[in-house]
Amino acid sequence: MFNIENHNWSETRLRVRYAETDQAGVVYHSNYLIWFEVGRVELCRDHGFNYREMEAEADARLPVTSQGDLSHQ
């Protein structure tokens, strides 16, 4: 990605693939959970640590506990 001097935020860009949408071009809702995981891993990398190592060494988890309303108009 890029060098972040201020670690208060992180940005990850993904391209929505055709297979992740229905025929109307609307993203199927379960794909958001996959993208949350991509964002979580990239956030960890941007802050200098590995998520898998954090789980093993600190016995810590960052679960997605709610999907909420992800509909977009």
N, C-alpha and C. Protein backbone atom coordinates (compact mmCIF):
# COMPACT_ATOMS: atom_id res chain seq x y z
N MET A 1 0.84 -1.19 0.00
CA MET A 1 0.00 0.00 0.00
C MET A 1 0.88 1.25 0.00
N PHE A 2 0.93 1.97 1.10
CA PHE A 2 1.72 3.17 1.18
C PHE A 2 2.17 3.39 2.61
N ASN A 3 3.15 4.25 2.80
CA ASN A 3 3.67 4.53 4.13
C ASN A 3 2.70 5.45 4.87
N ILE A 4 2.24 5.01 6.00
CA ILE A 4 1.30 5.80 6.79
C ILE A 4 2.03 6.36 8.00
N GLU A 5 2.10 7.69 8.07
CA GLU A 5 2.76 8.31 9.21
C GLU A 5 1.81 8.36 10.41
N ASN A 6 0.54 8.63 10.17
CA ASN A 6 -0.45 8.69 11.24
C ASN A 6 -1.26 7.40 11.20
N HIS A 7 -1.09 6.54 12.19
CA HIS A 7 -1.74 5.23 12.19
C HIS A 7 -3.15 5.25 12.78
N ASN A 8 -3.83 6.39 12.71
CA ASN A 8 -5.20 6.46 13.21
C ASN A 8 -6.21 5.95 12.20
N TRP A 9 -5.78 5.66 10.99
CA TRP A 9 -6.68 5.17 9.96
C TRP A 9 -5.93 4.25 9.01
N SER A 10 -6.71 3.56 8.21
CA SER A 10 -6.14 2.67 7.22
C SER A 10 -7.11 2.61 6.04
N GLU A 11 -6.59 2.36 4.86
CA GLU A 11 -7.44 2.28 3.67
C GLU A 11 -7.09 1.05 2.87
N THR A 12 -8.11 0.32 2.46
CA THR A 12 -7.94 -0.85 1.61
C THR A 12 -8.94 -0.73 0.47
N ARG A 13 -8.46 -0.90 -0.73
CA ARG A 13 -9.34 -0.82 -1.90
C ARG A 13 -9.52 -2.20 -2.51
N LEU A 14 -10.76 -2.49 -2.86
CA LEU A 14 -11.10 -3.76 -3.49
C LEU A 14 -11.96 -3.48 -4.72
N ARG A 15 -11.78 -4.28 -5.72
CA ARG A 15 -12.63 -4.19 -6.90
C ARG A 15 -13.72 -5.25 -6.79
N VAL A 16 -14.97 -4.83 -6.91
CA VAL A 16 -16.08 -5.77 -6.88
C VAL A 16 -16.07 -6.55 -8.19
N ARG A 17 -16.04 -7.87 -8.06
CA ARG A 17 -16.02 -8.72 -9.25
C ARG A 17 -17.44 -9.09 -9.66
N TYR A 18 -17.60 -9.37 -10.92
CA TYR A 18 -18.91 -9.71 -11.47
C TYR A 18 -19.54 -10.88 -10.70
N ALA A 19 -18.76 -11.86 -10.36
CA ALA A 19 -19.27 -13.05 -9.66
C ALA A 19 -19.80 -12.72 -8.27
N GLU A 20 -19.48 -11.56 -7.73
CA GLU A 20 -19.93 -11.17 -6.39
C GLU A 20 -21.25 -10.40 -6.42
N THR A 21 -21.83 -10.27 -7.61
CA THR A 21 -23.07 -9.52 -7.76
C THR A 21 -24.16 -10.39 -8.38
N ASP A 22 -25.39 -9.89 -8.27
CA ASP A 22 -26.47 -10.56 -8.98
C ASP A 22 -26.58 -9.93 -10.37
N GLN A 23 -27.59 -10.32 -11.14
CA GLN A 23 -27.70 -9.83 -12.51
C GLN A 23 -28.01 -8.34 -12.57
N ALA A 24 -28.49 -7.76 -11.48
CA ALA A 24 -28.76 -6.33 -11.43
C ALA A 24 -27.52 -5.54 -11.01
N GLY A 25 -26.41 -6.25 -10.74
CA GLY A 25 -25.18 -5.58 -10.32
C GLY A 25 -25.11 -5.26 -8.84
N VAL A 26 -26.00 -5.84 -8.05
CA VAL A 26 -26.04 -5.62 -6.60
C VAL A 26 -25.19 -6.69 -5.93
N VAL A 27 -24.31 -6.26 -5.04
CA VAL A 27 -23.42 -7.18 -4.34
C VAL A 27 -24.23 -8.06 -3.39
N TYR A 28 -23.96 -9.36 -3.44
CA TYR A 28 -24.59 -10.29 -2.50
C TYR A 28 -24.04 -10.01 -1.11
N HIS A 29 -24.92 -9.92 -0.11
CA HIS A 29 -24.56 -9.43 1.22
C HIS A 29 -23.45 -10.22 1.91
N SER A 30 -23.34 -11.51 1.68
CA SER A 30 -22.31 -12.28 2.39
C SER A 30 -20.90 -11.88 1.98
N ASN A 31 -20.74 -11.25 0.82
CA ASN A 31 -19.42 -10.81 0.39
C ASN A 31 -18.85 -9.72 1.29
N TYR A 32 -19.71 -8.94 1.92
CA TYR A 32 -19.23 -7.90 2.82
C TYR A 32 -18.40 -8.49 3.96
N LEU A 33 -18.81 -9.65 4.45
CA LEU A 33 -18.06 -10.28 5.55
C LEU A 33 -16.66 -10.67 5.10
N ILE A 34 -16.52 -11.13 3.87
CA ILE A 34 -15.20 -11.44 3.32
C ILE A 34 -14.37 -10.17 3.24
N TRP A 35 -14.99 -9.10 2.80
CA TRP A 35 -14.26 -7.82 2.67
C TRP A 35 -13.90 -7.24 4.03
N PHE A 36 -14.74 -7.47 5.05
CA PHE A 36 -14.38 -7.06 6.41
C PHE A 36 -13.09 -7.75 6.83
N GLU A 37 -12.98 -9.03 6.50
CA GLU A 37 -11.77 -9.78 6.86
C GLU A 37 -10.55 -9.23 6.12
N VAL A 38 -10.70 -8.90 4.86
CA VAL A 38 -9.60 -8.29 4.10
C VAL A 38 -9.17 -6.99 4.78
N GLY A 39 -10.15 -6.17 5.15
CA GLY A 39 -9.84 -4.90 5.83
C GLY A 39 -9.16 -5.10 7.17
N ARG A 40 -9.60 -6.09 7.92
CA ARG A 40 -8.99 -6.37 9.22
C ARG A 40 -7.53 -6.77 9.08
N VAL A 41 -7.24 -7.66 8.12
CA VAL A 41 -5.87 -8.11 7.90
C VAL A 41 -4.99 -6.96 7.45
N GLU A 42 -5.49 -6.13 6.55
CA GLU A 42 -4.71 -4.99 6.07
C GLU A 42 -4.50 -3.95 7.17
N LEU A 43 -5.49 -3.75 8.01
CA LEU A 43 -5.33 -2.83 9.15
C LEU A 43 -4.22 -3.32 10.06
N CYS A 44 -4.21 -4.61 10.35
CA CYS A 44 -3.14 -5.18 11.18
C CYS A 44 -1.78 -4.95 10.53
N ARG A 45 -1.68 -5.22 9.24
CA ARG A 45 -0.41 -5.01 8.52
C ARG A 45 0.02 -3.56 8.57
N ASP A 46 -0.93 -2.64 8.37
CA ASP A 46 -0.60 -1.21 8.41
C ASP A 46 -0.09 -0.79 9.78
N HIS A 47 -0.48 -1.51 10.81
CA HIS A 47 -0.04 -1.18 12.17
C HIS A 47 1.12 -2.06 12.63
N GLY A 48 1.66 -2.83 11.70
CA GLY A 48 2.90 -3.53 11.96
C GLY A 48 2.79 -4.87 12.66
N PHE A 49 1.62 -5.50 12.64
CA PHE A 49 1.57 -6.82 13.25
C PHE A 49 0.75 -7.77 12.39
N ASN A 50 0.94 -9.04 12.65
CA ASN A 50 0.30 -10.11 11.90
C ASN A 50 -0.87 -10.64 12.71
N TYR A 51 -2.05 -10.68 12.12
CA TYR A 51 -3.25 -11.11 12.83
C TYR A 51 -3.11 -12.53 13.36
N ARG A 52 -2.57 -13.43 12.55
CA ARG A 52 -2.42 -14.83 12.98
C ARG A 52 -1.49 -14.92 14.18
N GLU A 53 -0.40 -14.17 14.17
CA GLU A 53 0.52 -14.17 15.30
C GLU A 53 -0.15 -13.59 16.55
N MET A 54 -0.96 -12.55 16.36
CA MET A 54 -1.67 -11.96 17.49
C MET A 54 -2.59 -12.99 18.14
N GLU A 55 -3.28 -13.77 17.32
CA GLU A 55 -4.16 -14.82 17.86
C GLU A 55 -3.37 -15.83 18.68
N ALA A 56 -2.24 -16.26 18.15
CA ALA A 56 -1.45 -17.30 18.81
C ALA A 56 -0.73 -16.78 20.05
N GLU A 57 -0.09 -15.62 19.94
CA GLU A 57 0.75 -15.12 21.03
C GLU A 57 -0.04 -14.44 22.14
N ALA A 58 -1.06 -13.69 21.78
CA ALA A 58 -1.81 -12.93 22.79
C ALA A 58 -3.16 -13.57 23.10
N ASP A 59 -3.47 -14.68 22.42
CA ASP A 59 -4.77 -15.33 22.56
C ASP A 59 -5.89 -14.30 22.40
N ALA A 60 -5.73 -13.42 21.42
CA ALA A 60 -6.68 -12.34 21.17
C ALA A 60 -7.42 -12.60 19.86
N ARG A 61 -8.66 -12.14 19.80
CA ARG A 61 -9.48 -12.29 18.61
C ARG A 61 -10.16 -10.95 18.30
N LEU A 62 -10.44 -10.72 17.04
CA LEU A 62 -11.20 -9.55 16.61
C LEU A 62 -12.40 -10.04 15.81
N PRO A 63 -13.41 -10.57 16.48
CA PRO A 63 -14.53 -11.16 15.74
C PRO A 63 -15.45 -10.10 15.14
N VAL A 64 -16.05 -10.43 14.01
CA VAL A 64 -17.14 -9.63 13.48
C VAL A 64 -18.37 -10.12 14.21
N THR A 65 -18.97 -9.26 15.02
CA THR A 65 -20.09 -9.69 15.85
C THR A 65 -21.44 -9.26 15.30
N SER A 66 -21.44 -8.35 14.35
CA SER A 66 -22.69 -7.90 13.77
C SER A 66 -22.44 -7.39 12.37
N GLN A 67 -23.33 -7.74 11.48
CA GLN A 67 -23.22 -7.25 10.11
C GLN A 67 -23.99 -5.94 9.94
N GLY A 68 -25.02 -5.74 10.72
CA GLY A 68 -25.81 -4.52 10.63
C GLY A 68 -26.50 -4.42 9.28
N ASP A 69 -26.91 -3.23 8.92
CA ASP A 69 -27.59 -2.97 7.65
C ASP A 69 -26.58 -2.45 6.65
N LEU A 70 -26.22 -3.27 5.70
CA LEU A 70 -25.19 -2.88 4.72
C LEU A 70 -25.78 -2.53 3.37
N SER A 71 -27.09 -2.34 3.32
CA SER A 71 -27.71 -2.03 2.03
C SER A 71 -27.36 -0.61 1.59
N HIS A 72 -27.10 -0.49 0.31
CA HIS A 72 -26.76 0.80 -0.28
C HIS A 72 -27.74 1.10 -1.41
N GLN A 73 -28.12 2.30 -1.53
CA GLN A 73 -29.04 2.68 -2.60
C GLN A 73 -28.30 3.26 -3.77
